[in-house]
């Protein structure tokens, strides 16, 4: 290559090599692809499916049966609302340590905020195709998810309000949304099984929530968030988790015994007993300095609990005996 040709790739007066257009285009494409991948990772879709048993539980108690409203409702909640809410929270938290579903979260991209809001809006539009009660339940969670994370409100920064949002949102509203998607109304939820089912959903969601904060204590405290783990400490988190598991489990077993008989109650009771044992195992081996190890253990217990209960509910739903 001649000196004249090489000079075409130098910035005049600088002696620096000018990047050819094709190379710049490749780099820009790679950068955009990386940005899109980062945004996708922050949606944590695999983590959202750990919440699926609450919806499945409401669907089962409402009568089961596969229908378009139920399928649309499940997709709207788990792939649009939950992922949008998680991404919205990630945008403001900007964690560098482990968070639910991500051992090493990537840096937050500025596009994450509009994408998170767009996902929730698209899901809300989708929810309108289910029915009005479902649409209202989705909308209520939409609003709560913003109030939970946005700096001007930030309900997650206060111990009791954070518990209320998670229990009511991921527990009660998800249960009621599944009921509405199945039956098209919510009046019938005011039955013994409906009320006990909702109570079980709230308590079992709350049982594992503080444990997911044990590996975020330093970052939460640095932000000034008084989460359950920050305010009550590890001992308080484990006591709360065990208490909610026992009370929520008893409510669930009563409903199962009434609806499906003793055998089902005993089977699910065994799973709940294993969850209690797993929480006790976490408590015995907890080390506040071992952040990554704590994350992996908590996520393991969460995955086991969700998978076991989810498998039972799916089998029950598939049997058509809701």
C-alpha atoms as a PDB file:
ATOM      1  CA  UNK A   1       0.000   0.000   0.000  1.00  0.00           C
ATOM      2  CA  UNK A   2       1.439   3.367  -1.067  1.00  0.00           C
ATOM      3  CA  UNK A   3       1.990   6.285   1.278  1.00  0.00           C
ATOM      4  CA  UNK A   4      -0.704   8.190  -0.612  1.00  0.00           C
ATOM      5  CA  UNK A   5      -3.162   5.395  -0.009  1.00  0.00           C
ATOM      6  CA  UNK A   6      -2.260   5.167   3.696  1.00  0.00           C
ATOM      7  CA  UNK A   7      -2.712   8.880   4.123  1.00  0.00           C
ATOM      8  CA  UNK A   8      -6.370   8.483   3.129  1.00  0.00           C
ATOM      9  CA  UNK A   9      -6.894   6.665   6.424  1.00  0.00           C
ATOM     10  CA  UNK A  10      -5.228   9.272   8.632  1.00  0.00           C
ATOM     11  CA  UNK A  11      -6.955  12.119  10.412  1.00  0.00           C
ATOM     12  CA  UNK A  12      -5.311  15.280   9.029  1.00  0.00           C
ATOM     13  CA  UNK A  13      -2.830  16.796  11.426  1.00  0.00           C
ATOM     14  CA  UNK A  14      -3.167  14.029  13.987  1.00  0.00           C
ATOM     15  CA  UNK A  15      -1.276  11.118  12.640  1.00  0.00           C
ATOM     16  CA  UNK A  16      -4.137   8.871  13.833  1.00  0.00           C
ATOM     17  CA  UNK A  17      -5.651   6.175  11.684  1.00  0.00           C
ATOM     18  CA  UNK A  18      -9.156   6.974  10.426  1.00  0.00           C
ATOM     19  CA  UNK A  19     -11.555   4.049  10.882  1.00  0.00           C
ATOM     20  CA  UNK A  20     -13.068   3.003   7.538  1.00  0.00           C
ATOM     21  CA  UNK A  21     -16.848   3.306   7.197  1.00  0.00           C
ATOM     22  CA  UNK A  22     -17.306  -0.445   6.967  1.00  0.00           C
ATOM     23  CA  UNK A  23     -15.386  -0.996  10.196  1.00  0.00           C
ATOM     24  CA  UNK A  24     -17.338   1.751  11.977  1.00  0.00           C
ATOM     25  CA  UNK A  25     -20.574   0.157  10.795  1.00  0.00           C
ATOM     26  CA  UNK A  26     -19.506  -3.210  12.163  1.00  0.00           C
ATOM     27  CA  UNK A  27     -18.574  -1.713  15.515  1.00  0.00           C
ATOM     28  CA  UNK A  28     -21.873   0.167  15.744  1.00  0.00           C
ATOM     29  CA  UNK A  29     -23.801  -2.985  14.901  1.00  0.00           C
ATOM     30  CA  UNK A  30     -21.900  -4.910  17.562  1.00  0.00           C
ATOM     31  CA  UNK A  31     -22.565  -2.125  20.073  1.00  0.00           C
ATOM     32  CA  UNK A  32     -26.299  -2.146  19.304  1.00  0.00           C
ATOM     33  CA  UNK A  33     -26.414  -5.920  19.581  1.00  0.00           C
ATOM     34  CA  UNK A  34     -24.648  -5.707  22.927  1.00  0.00           C
ATOM     35  CA  UNK A  35     -27.105  -3.091  24.145  1.00  0.00           C
ATOM     36  CA  UNK A  36     -30.062  -5.232  23.122  1.00  0.00           C
ATOM     37  CA  UNK A  37     -28.570  -8.269  24.829  1.00  0.00           C
ATOM     38  CA  UNK A  38     -27.984  -6.283  28.033  1.00  0.00           C
ATOM     39  CA  UNK A  39     -31.609  -5.127  28.034  1.00  0.00           C
ATOM     40  CA  UNK A  40     -32.813  -8.678  27.431  1.00  0.00           C
ATOM     41  CA  UNK A  41     -30.712  -9.999  30.310  1.00  0.00           C
ATOM     42  CA  UNK A  42     -32.219  -7.416  32.670  1.00  0.00           C
ATOM     43  CA  UNK A  43     -35.717  -8.724  31.874  1.00  0.00           C
ATOM     44  CA  UNK A  44     -34.768 -11.916  33.762  1.00  0.00           C
ATOM     45  CA  UNK A  45     -37.478 -13.964  32.045  1.00  0.00           C
ATOM     46  CA  UNK A  46     -36.329 -17.189  33.698  1.00  0.00           C
ATOM     47  CA  UNK A  47     -36.730 -15.551  37.104  1.00  0.00           C
ATOM     48  CA  UNK A  48     -40.278 -14.406  36.293  1.00  0.00           C
ATOM     49  CA  UNK A  49     -41.346 -18.016  35.785  1.00  0.00           C
ATOM     50  CA  UNK A  50     -40.511 -18.738  39.431  1.00  0.00           C
ATOM     51  CA  UNK A  51     -43.624 -16.663  40.221  1.00  0.00           C
ATOM     52  CA  UNK A  52     -45.835 -18.808  37.974  1.00  0.00           C
ATOM     53  CA  UNK A  53     -47.212 -21.088  40.757  1.00  0.00           C
ATOM     54  CA  UNK A  54     -49.280 -18.200  42.154  1.00  0.00           C
ATOM     55  CA  UNK A  55     -51.080 -17.779  38.819  1.00  0.00           C
ATOM     56  CA  UNK A  56     -51.402 -21.555  38.421  1.00  0.00           C
ATOM     57  CA  UNK A  57     -52.847 -21.795  41.942  1.00  0.00           C
ATOM     58  CA  UNK A  58     -55.493 -19.181  41.215  1.00  0.00           C
ATOM     59  CA  UNK A  59     -56.265 -20.824  37.886  1.00  0.00           C
ATOM     60  CA  UNK A  60     -56.694 -24.241  39.521  1.00  0.00           C
ATOM     61  CA  UNK A  61     -58.971 -23.048  42.323  1.00  0.00           C
ATOM     62  CA  UNK A  62     -61.065 -21.019  39.884  1.00  0.00           C
ATOM     63  CA  UNK A  63     -61.920 -24.233  38.051  1.00  0.00           C
ATOM     64  CA  UNK A  64     -59.046 -24.872  35.665  1.00  0.00           C
ATOM     65  CA  UNK A  65     -59.626 -25.462  31.992  1.00  0.00           C
ATOM     66  CA  UNK A  66     -57.478 -24.231  29.111  1.00  0.00           C
ATOM     67  CA  UNK A  67     -58.802 -21.139  27.358  1.00  0.00           C
ATOM     68  CA  UNK A  68     -57.531 -18.189  25.337  1.00  0.00           C
ATOM     69  CA  UNK A  69     -58.112 -15.686  28.203  1.00  0.00           C
ATOM     70  CA  UNK A  70     -56.008 -17.790  30.575  1.00  0.00           C
ATOM     71  CA  UNK A  71     -53.150 -18.155  28.085  1.00  0.00           C
ATOM     72  CA  UNK A  72     -53.187 -14.447  27.210  1.00  0.00           C
ATOM     73  CA  UNK A  73     -53.402 -13.558  30.884  1.00  0.00           C
ATOM     74  CA  UNK A  74     -50.436 -15.747  31.784  1.00  0.00           C
ATOM     75  CA  UNK A  75     -48.296 -14.254  29.009  1.00  0.00           C
ATOM     76  CA  UNK A  76     -49.349 -10.691  29.902  1.00  0.00           C
ATOM     77  CA  UNK A  77     -48.401 -11.127  33.546  1.00  0.00           C
ATOM     78  CA  UNK A  78     -45.230 -13.166  33.309  1.00  0.00           C
ATOM     79  CA  UNK A  79     -43.604 -11.965  30.089  1.00  0.00           C
ATOM     80  CA  UNK A  80     -44.696  -8.327  30.020  1.00  0.00           C
ATOM     81  CA  UNK A  81     -45.707  -7.115  33.477  1.00  0.00           C
ATOM     82  CA  UNK A  82     -43.173  -8.991  35.612  1.00  0.00           C
ATOM     83  CA  UNK A  83     -40.265  -8.513  33.203  1.00  0.00           C
ATOM     84  CA  UNK A  84     -41.142  -4.842  32.729  1.00  0.00           C
ATOM     85  CA  UNK A  85     -41.380  -4.291  36.473  1.00  0.00           C
ATOM     86  CA  UNK A  86     -38.050  -6.072  37.030  1.00  0.00           C
ATOM     87  CA  UNK A  87     -36.315  -4.017  34.336  1.00  0.00           C
ATOM     88  CA  UNK A  88     -37.834  -0.802  35.744  1.00  0.00           C
ATOM     89  CA  UNK A  89     -36.477  -1.686  39.185  1.00  0.00           C
ATOM     90  CA  UNK A  90     -33.058  -2.555  37.755  1.00  0.00           C
ATOM     91  CA  UNK A  91     -32.861   0.808  35.998  1.00  0.00           C
ATOM     92  CA  UNK A  92     -33.146   2.694  39.299  1.00  0.00           C
ATOM     93  CA  UNK A  93     -31.280   0.259  41.547  1.00  0.00           C
ATOM     94  CA  UNK A  94     -28.268  -0.264  39.262  1.00  0.00           C
ATOM     95  CA  UNK A  95     -27.020  -3.199  41.326  1.00  0.00           C
ATOM     96  CA  UNK A  96     -23.517  -4.464  40.705  1.00  0.00           C
ATOM     97  CA  UNK A  97     -23.860  -7.482  43.010  1.00  0.00           C
ATOM     98  CA  UNK A  98     -26.258 -10.432  42.752  1.00  0.00           C
ATOM     99  CA  UNK A  99     -29.975  -9.802  42.238  1.00  0.00           C
ATOM    100  CA  UNK A 100     -32.793 -12.300  41.800  1.00  0.00           C
ATOM    101  CA  UNK A 101     -31.943 -14.384  38.751  1.00  0.00           C
ATOM    102  CA  UNK A 102     -28.597 -12.704  37.994  1.00  0.00           C
ATOM    103  CA  UNK A 103     -25.369 -13.443  39.822  1.00  0.00           C
ATOM    104  CA  UNK A 104     -23.570 -10.639  37.964  1.00  0.00           C
ATOM    105  CA  UNK A 105     -26.019  -8.130  36.488  1.00  0.00           C
ATOM    106  CA  UNK A 106     -24.653  -6.219  33.494  1.00  0.00           C
ATOM    107  CA  UNK A 107     -24.418  -2.413  33.549  1.00  0.00           C
ATOM    108  CA  UNK A 108     -27.728  -0.614  33.039  1.00  0.00           C
ATOM    109  CA  UNK A 109     -28.358   0.744  29.557  1.00  0.00           C
ATOM    110  CA  UNK A 110     -30.296   4.064  29.288  1.00  0.00           C
ATOM    111  CA  UNK A 111     -32.774   2.343  26.978  1.00  0.00           C
ATOM    112  CA  UNK A 112     -33.798   0.004  29.789  1.00  0.00           C
ATOM    113  CA  UNK A 113     -36.234   2.567  31.221  1.00  0.00           C
ATOM    114  CA  UNK A 114     -38.339   3.142  28.083  1.00  0.00           C
ATOM    115  CA  UNK A 115     -38.211  -0.561  27.249  1.00  0.00           C
ATOM    116  CA  UNK A 116     -39.471  -1.490  30.728  1.00  0.00           C
ATOM    117  CA  UNK A 117     -42.378   0.944  30.450  1.00  0.00           C
ATOM    118  CA  UNK A 118     -43.174  -0.157  26.893  1.00  0.00           C
ATOM    119  CA  UNK A 119     -43.334  -3.795  27.986  1.00  0.00           C
ATOM    120  CA  UNK A 120     -45.781  -3.008  30.774  1.00  0.00           C
ATOM    121  CA  UNK A 121     -47.945  -0.899  28.463  1.00  0.00           C
ATOM    122  CA  UNK A 122     -48.024  -3.602  25.776  1.00  0.00           C
ATOM    123  CA  UNK A 123     -48.976  -6.132  28.439  1.00  0.00           C
ATOM    124  CA  UNK A 124     -51.767  -3.866  29.656  1.00  0.00           C
ATOM    125  CA  UNK A 125     -53.127  -3.598  26.111  1.00  0.00           C
ATOM    126  CA  UNK A 126     -52.932  -7.379  25.885  1.00  0.00           C
ATOM    127  CA  UNK A 127     -54.754  -7.663  29.220  1.00  0.00           C
ATOM    128  CA  UNK A 128     -57.724  -5.819  27.713  1.00  0.00           C
ATOM    129  CA  UNK A 129     -58.333  -8.907  25.536  1.00  0.00           C
ATOM    130  CA  UNK A 130     -58.828 -11.051  28.656  1.00  0.00           C
ATOM    131  CA  UNK A 131     -61.618  -9.247  30.509  1.00  0.00           C
ATOM    132  CA  UNK A 132     -62.250  -6.127  32.567  1.00  0.00           C
ATOM    133  CA  UNK A 133     -61.468  -7.556  36.048  1.00  0.00           C
ATOM    134  CA  UNK A 134     -58.173  -8.935  34.753  1.00  0.00           C
ATOM    135  CA  UNK A 135     -57.358  -5.594  33.124  1.00  0.00           C
ATOM    136  CA  UNK A 136     -57.935  -3.781  36.415  1.00  0.00           C
ATOM    137  CA  UNK A 137     -55.788  -6.294  38.330  1.00  0.00           C
ATOM    138  CA  UNK A 138     -52.988  -5.818  35.796  1.00  0.00           C
ATOM    139  CA  UNK A 139     -53.335  -2.044  36.003  1.00  0.00           C
ATOM    140  CA  UNK A 140     -53.151  -2.075  39.795  1.00  0.00           C
ATOM    141  CA  UNK A 141     -49.905  -4.059  39.664  1.00  0.00           C
ATOM    142  CA  UNK A 142     -48.586  -1.719  36.955  1.00  0.00           C
ATOM    143  CA  UNK A 143     -49.054   1.270  39.257  1.00  0.00           C
ATOM    144  CA  UNK A 144     -47.603  -0.551  42.272  1.00  0.00           C
ATOM    145  CA  UNK A 145     -44.510  -1.584  40.330  1.00  0.00           C
ATOM    146  CA  UNK A 146     -43.742   2.054  39.559  1.00  0.00           C
ATOM    147  CA  UNK A 147     -44.380   3.193  43.129  1.00  0.00           C
ATOM    148  CA  UNK A 148     -42.203   0.327  44.380  1.00  0.00           C
ATOM    149  CA  UNK A 149     -39.064   1.479  42.536  1.00  0.00           C
ATOM    150  CA  UNK A 150     -39.336   5.113  41.459  1.00  0.00           C
ATOM    151  CA  UNK A 151     -37.170   7.449  43.598  1.00  0.00           C
ATOM    152  CA  UNK A 152     -40.026   9.879  44.238  1.00  0.00           C
ATOM    153  CA  UNK A 153     -42.117   7.199  45.952  1.00  0.00           C
ATOM    154  CA  UNK A 154     -39.871   4.133  46.329  1.00  0.00           C
ATOM    155  CA  UNK A 155     -42.057   1.940  48.500  1.00  0.00           C
ATOM    156  CA  UNK A 156     -39.310  -0.685  48.513  1.00  0.00           C
ATOM    157  CA  UNK A 157     -37.197   1.659  50.637  1.00  0.00           C
ATOM    158  CA  UNK A 158     -39.474   1.067  53.637  1.00  0.00           C
ATOM    159  CA  UNK A 159     -39.805  -2.281  55.357  1.00  0.00           C
ATOM    160  CA  UNK A 160     -43.576  -2.572  55.746  1.00  0.00           C
ATOM    161  CA  UNK A 161     -44.565  -0.920  52.470  1.00  0.00           C
ATOM    162  CA  UNK A 162     -42.210  -3.191  50.537  1.00  0.00           C
ATOM    163  CA  UNK A 163     -43.823  -6.230  52.149  1.00  0.00           C
ATOM    164  CA  UNK A 164     -47.275  -4.885  51.372  1.00  0.00           C
ATOM    165  CA  UNK A 165     -46.466  -4.287  47.705  1.00  0.00           C
ATOM    166  CA  UNK A 166     -44.932  -7.718  47.171  1.00  0.00           C
ATOM    167  CA  UNK A 167     -47.613  -9.567  49.135  1.00  0.00           C
ATOM    168  CA  UNK A 168     -50.506  -7.724  47.509  1.00  0.00           C
ATOM    169  CA  UNK A 169     -48.983  -7.480  44.028  1.00  0.00           C
ATOM    170  CA  UNK A 170     -47.229 -10.780  43.380  1.00  0.00           C
ATOM    171  CA  UNK A 171     -49.499 -12.656  45.779  1.00  0.00           C
ATOM    172  CA  UNK A 172     -53.086 -11.370  45.886  1.00  0.00           C
ATOM    173  CA  UNK A 173     -53.276  -9.564  42.526  1.00  0.00           C
ATOM    174  CA  UNK A 174     -51.649 -12.436  40.614  1.00  0.00           C
ATOM    175  CA  UNK A 175     -54.059 -14.891  42.262  1.00  0.00           C
ATOM    176  CA  UNK A 176     -57.067 -12.665  41.529  1.00  0.00           C
ATOM    177  CA  UNK A 177     -55.912 -12.081  37.952  1.00  0.00           C
ATOM    178  CA  UNK A 178     -55.761 -15.830  37.328  1.00  0.00           C
ATOM    179  CA  UNK A 179     -59.221 -16.222  38.887  1.00  0.00           C
ATOM    180  CA  UNK A 180     -60.595 -13.460  36.668  1.00  0.00           C
ATOM    181  CA  UNK A 181     -58.981 -14.909  33.536  1.00  0.00           C
ATOM    182  CA  UNK A 182     -60.545 -18.295  34.293  1.00  0.00           C
ATOM    183  CA  UNK A 183     -64.050 -17.234  35.321  1.00  0.00           C
ATOM    184  CA  UNK A 184     -64.425 -13.791  33.828  1.00  0.00           C
ATOM    185  CA  UNK A 185     -65.434 -12.317  37.195  1.00  0.00           C
ATOM    186  CA  UNK A 186     -64.183 -11.924  40.758  1.00  0.00           C
ATOM    187  CA  UNK A 187     -67.408 -12.124  42.779  1.00  0.00           C
ATOM    188  CA  UNK A 188     -67.005 -15.893  43.225  1.00  0.00           C
ATOM    189  CA  UNK A 189     -63.599 -15.488  44.874  1.00  0.00           C
ATOM    190  CA  UNK A 190     -65.433 -14.556  48.070  1.00  0.00           C
ATOM    191  CA  UNK A 191     -65.721 -18.207  49.005  1.00  0.00           C
ATOM    192  CA  UNK A 192     -63.881 -20.150  51.672  1.00  0.00           C
ATOM    193  CA  UNK A 193     -61.532 -21.691  49.124  1.00  0.00           C
ATOM    194  CA  UNK A 194     -61.071 -18.409  47.271  1.00  0.00           C
ATOM    195  CA  UNK A 195     -60.192 -16.447  50.394  1.00  0.00           C
ATOM    196  CA  UNK A 196     -57.937 -19.143  51.853  1.00  0.00           C
ATOM    197  CA  UNK A 197     -56.316 -19.601  48.443  1.00  0.00           C
ATOM    198  CA  UNK A 198     -55.504 -15.895  48.238  1.00  0.00           C
ATOM    199  CA  UNK A 199     -54.140 -15.878  51.799  1.00  0.00           C
ATOM    200  CA  UNK A 200     -51.918 -18.857  50.962  1.00  0.00           C
ATOM    201  CA  UNK A 201     -50.646 -17.079  47.838  1.00  0.00           C
ATOM    202  CA  UNK A 202     -49.763 -13.920  49.778  1.00  0.00           C
ATOM    203  CA  UNK A 203     -47.996 -15.704  52.626  1.00  0.00           C
ATOM    204  CA  UNK A 204     -46.028 -18.123  50.451  1.00  0.00           C
ATOM    205  CA  UNK A 205     -44.840 -15.284  48.204  1.00  0.00           C
ATOM    206  CA  UNK A 206     -43.778 -13.298  51.262  1.00  0.00           C
ATOM    207  CA  UNK A 207     -41.999 -16.305  52.763  1.00  0.00           C
ATOM    208  CA  UNK A 208     -39.096 -16.225  50.311  1.00  0.00           C
ATOM    209  CA  UNK A 209     -39.058 -12.487  49.575  1.00  0.00           C
ATOM    210  CA  UNK A 210     -36.802 -11.390  52.504  1.00  0.00           C
ATOM    211  CA  UNK A 211     -34.376 -14.210  51.732  1.00  0.00           C
ATOM    212  CA  UNK A 212     -33.736 -12.689  48.296  1.00  0.00           C
ATOM    213  CA  UNK A 213     -32.500  -9.562  50.085  1.00  0.00           C
ATOM    214  CA  UNK A 214     -29.852 -11.313  52.158  1.00  0.00           C
ATOM    215  CA  UNK A 215     -27.257 -10.987  49.389  1.00  0.00           C
ATOM    216  CA  UNK A 216     -28.181  -7.327  48.699  1.00  0.00           C
ATOM    217  CA  UNK A 217     -27.860  -5.874  52.206  1.00  0.00           C
ATOM    218  CA  UNK A 218     -24.769  -3.763  51.533  1.00  0.00           C
ATOM    219  CA  UNK A 219     -26.094  -2.207  48.322  1.00  0.00           C
ATOM    220  CA  UNK A 220     -29.583  -1.616  49.763  1.00  0.00           C
ATOM    221  CA  UNK A 221     -28.154  -0.021  52.902  1.00  0.00           C
ATOM    222  CA  UNK A 222     -25.867   2.192  50.817  1.00  0.00           C
ATOM    223  CA  UNK A 223     -28.926   3.484  48.932  1.00  0.00           C
ATOM    224  CA  UNK A 224     -30.739   4.115  52.203  1.00  0.00           C
ATOM    225  CA  UNK A 225     -33.330   1.386  51.612  1.00  0.00           C
ATOM    226  CA  UNK A 226     -34.729  -0.109  54.805  1.00  0.00           C
ATOM    227  CA  UNK A 227     -35.512  -3.508  53.350  1.00  0.00           C
ATOM    228  CA  UNK A 228     -36.547  -6.411  55.561  1.00  0.00           C
ATOM    229  CA  UNK A 229     -32.984  -7.754  55.519  1.00  0.00           C
ATOM    230  CA  UNK A 230     -31.510  -4.360  56.407  1.00  0.00           C
ATOM    231  CA  UNK A 231     -34.058  -3.560  59.127  1.00  0.00           C
ATOM    232  CA  UNK A 232     -34.548  -6.985  60.702  1.00  0.00           C
ATOM    233  CA  UNK A 233     -31.262  -8.680  59.977  1.00  0.00           C
ATOM    234  CA  UNK A 234     -30.714 -12.237  58.818  1.00  0.00           C
ATOM    235  CA  UNK A 235     -32.314 -13.758  61.932  1.00  0.00           C
ATOM    236  CA  UNK A 236     -35.491 -11.750  61.376  1.00  0.00           C
ATOM    237  CA  UNK A 237     -35.611 -12.776  57.717  1.00  0.00           C
ATOM    238  CA  UNK A 238     -35.368 -16.472  58.529  1.00  0.00           C
ATOM    239  CA  UNK A 239     -37.987 -16.254  61.303  1.00  0.00           C
ATOM    240  CA  UNK A 240     -40.338 -14.396  58.968  1.00  0.00           C
ATOM    241  CA  UNK A 241     -39.747 -16.921  56.162  1.00  0.00           C
ATOM    242  CA  UNK A 242     -40.441 -19.907  58.396  1.00  0.00           C
ATOM    243  CA  UNK A 243     -43.568 -18.310  59.900  1.00  0.00           C
ATOM    244  CA  UNK A 244     -45.046 -17.368  56.515  1.00  0.00           C
ATOM    245  CA  UNK A 245     -44.283 -20.801  55.089  1.00  0.00           C
ATOM    246  CA  UNK A 246     -46.059 -22.518  57.982  1.00  0.00           C
ATOM    247  CA  UNK A 247     -49.131 -20.244  57.971  1.00  0.00           C
ATOM    248  CA  UNK A 248     -49.402 -20.048  54.190  1.00  0.00           C
ATOM    249  CA  UNK A 249     -48.810 -23.770  53.882  1.00  0.00           C
ATOM    250  CA  UNK A 250     -51.582 -24.552  56.371  1.00  0.00           C
ATOM    251  CA  UNK A 251     -54.028 -22.386  54.411  1.00  0.00           C
ATOM    252  CA  UNK A 252     -53.049 -24.162  51.199  1.00  0.00           C
ATOM    253  CA  UNK A 253     -53.379 -27.622  52.743  1.00  0.00           C
ATOM    254  CA  UNK A 254     -56.855 -26.856  54.066  1.00  0.00           C
ATOM    255  CA  UNK A 255     -57.971 -25.848  50.572  1.00  0.00           C
ATOM    256  CA  UNK A 256     -56.371 -28.914  48.977  1.00  0.00           C
ATOM    257  CA  UNK A 257     -57.937 -31.266  51.501  1.00  0.00           C
ATOM    258  CA  UNK A 258     -61.373 -29.734  50.893  1.00  0.00           C
ATOM    259  CA  UNK A 259     -61.058 -29.746  47.110  1.00  0.00           C
ATOM    260  CA  UNK A 260     -58.968 -32.786  46.253  1.00  0.00           C
ATOM    261  CA  UNK A 261     -58.692 -34.922  49.377  1.00  0.00           C
ATOM    262  CA  UNK A 262     -56.122 -35.979  51.930  1.00  0.00           C
ATOM    263  CA  UNK A 263     -53.664 -37.548  49.487  1.00  0.00           C
ATOM    264  CA  UNK A 264     -53.094 -34.256  47.663  1.00  0.00           C
ATOM    265  CA  UNK A 265     -52.757 -32.388  50.941  1.00  0.00           C
ATOM    266  CA  UNK A 266     -50.155 -34.871  52.168  1.00  0.00           C
ATOM    267  CA  UNK A 267     -48.176 -34.670  48.913  1.00  0.00           C
ATOM    268  CA  UNK A 268     -48.023 -30.889  48.922  1.00  0.00           C
ATOM    269  CA  UNK A 269     -47.437 -30.936  52.675  1.00  0.00           C
ATOM    270  CA  UNK A 270     -44.311 -32.996  52.047  1.00  0.00           C
ATOM    271  CA  UNK A 271     -43.068 -30.355  49.622  1.00  0.00           C
ATOM    272  CA  UNK A 272     -43.747 -27.600  52.163  1.00  0.00           C
ATOM    273  CA  UNK A 273     -41.911 -29.574  54.838  1.00  0.00           C
ATOM    274  CA  UNK A 274     -38.912 -29.791  52.510  1.00  0.00           C
ATOM    275  CA  UNK A 275     -39.117 -26.036  51.976  1.00  0.00           C
ATOM    276  CA  UNK A 276     -39.036 -25.493  55.740  1.00  0.00           C
ATOM    277  CA  UNK A 277     -36.033 -27.794  55.966  1.00  0.00           C
ATOM    278  CA  UNK A 278     -34.311 -25.902  53.156  1.00  0.00           C
ATOM    279  CA  UNK A 279     -34.868 -22.567  54.907  1.00  0.00           C
ATOM    280  CA  UNK A 280     -33.437 -24.078  58.079  1.00  0.00           C
ATOM    281  CA  UNK A 281     -30.428 -25.260  56.060  1.00  0.00           C
ATOM    282  CA  UNK A 282     -29.958 -21.743  54.704  1.00  0.00           C
ATOM    283  CA  UNK A 283     -30.115 -20.348  58.222  1.00  0.00           C
ATOM    284  CA  UNK A 284     -27.511 -22.747  59.594  1.00  0.00           C
ATOM    285  CA  UNK A 285     -25.058 -22.093  56.785  1.00  0.00           C
ATOM    286  CA  UNK A 286     -25.626 -18.361  56.384  1.00  0.00           C
ATOM    287  CA  UNK A 287     -22.510 -16.214  56.209  1.00  0.00           C
ATOM    288  CA  UNK A 288     -23.047 -12.515  55.508  1.00  0.00           C
ATOM    289  CA  UNK A 289     -19.596 -12.301  53.932  1.00  0.00           C
ATOM    290  CA  UNK A 290     -20.293 -15.057  51.381  1.00  0.00           C
ATOM    291  CA  UNK A 291     -22.549 -12.977  49.143  1.00  0.00           C
ATOM    292  CA  UNK A 292     -22.324 -15.105  46.005  1.00  0.00           C
ATOM    293  CA  UNK A 293     -22.716 -18.375  47.928  1.00  0.00           C
ATOM    294  CA  UNK A 294     -25.793 -16.986  49.698  1.00  0.00           C
ATOM    295  CA  UNK A 295     -27.248 -15.933  46.352  1.00  0.00           C
ATOM    296  CA  UNK A 296     -26.781 -19.406  44.879  1.00  0.00           C
ATOM    297  CA  UNK A 297     -28.318 -21.133  47.901  1.00  0.00           C
ATOM    298  CA  UNK A 298     -31.320 -18.823  48.065  1.00  0.00           C
ATOM    299  CA  UNK A 299     -31.928 -19.148  44.333  1.00  0.00           C
ATOM    300  CA  UNK A 300     -31.649 -22.909  44.664  1.00  0.00           C
ATOM    301  CA  UNK A 301     -34.306 -23.010  47.385  1.00  0.00           C
ATOM    302  CA  UNK A 302     -36.496 -20.648  45.383  1.00  0.00           C
ATOM    303  CA  UNK A 303     -36.158 -22.751  42.230  1.00  0.00           C
ATOM    304  CA  UNK A 304     -36.870 -25.994  44.117  1.00  0.00           C
ATOM    305  CA  UNK A 305     -39.953 -24.588  45.845  1.00  0.00           C
ATOM    306  CA  UNK A 306     -41.376 -23.059  42.667  1.00  0.00           C
ATOM    307  CA  UNK A 307     -40.637 -26.080  40.484  1.00  0.00           C
ATOM    308  CA  UNK A 308     -42.106 -28.599  42.919  1.00  0.00           C
ATOM    309  CA  UNK A 309     -45.334 -26.689  43.535  1.00  0.00           C
ATOM    310  CA  UNK A 310     -45.584 -25.670  39.874  1.00  0.00           C
ATOM    311  CA  UNK A 311     -45.246 -29.289  38.731  1.00  0.00           C
ATOM    312  CA  UNK A 312     -48.013 -30.422  41.087  1.00  0.00           C
ATOM    313  CA  UNK A 313     -50.339 -27.617  39.930  1.00  0.00           C
ATOM    314  CA  UNK A 314     -49.668 -28.324  36.259  1.00  0.00           C
ATOM    315  CA  UNK A 315     -50.455 -32.014  36.724  1.00  0.00           C
ATOM    316  CA  UNK A 316     -53.662 -31.116  38.548  1.00  0.00           C
ATOM    317  CA  UNK A 317     -54.637 -28.677  35.805  1.00  0.00           C
ATOM    318  CA  UNK A 318     -53.818 -31.206  33.083  1.00  0.00           C
ATOM    319  CA  UNK A 319     -56.009 -33.811  34.797  1.00  0.00           C
ATOM    320  CA  UNK A 320     -58.988 -31.486  34.345  1.00  0.00           C
ATOM    321  CA  UNK A 321     -60.028 -31.824  37.968  1.00  0.00           C
ATOM    322  CA  UNK A 322     -59.837 -28.171  38.927  1.00  0.00           C
END
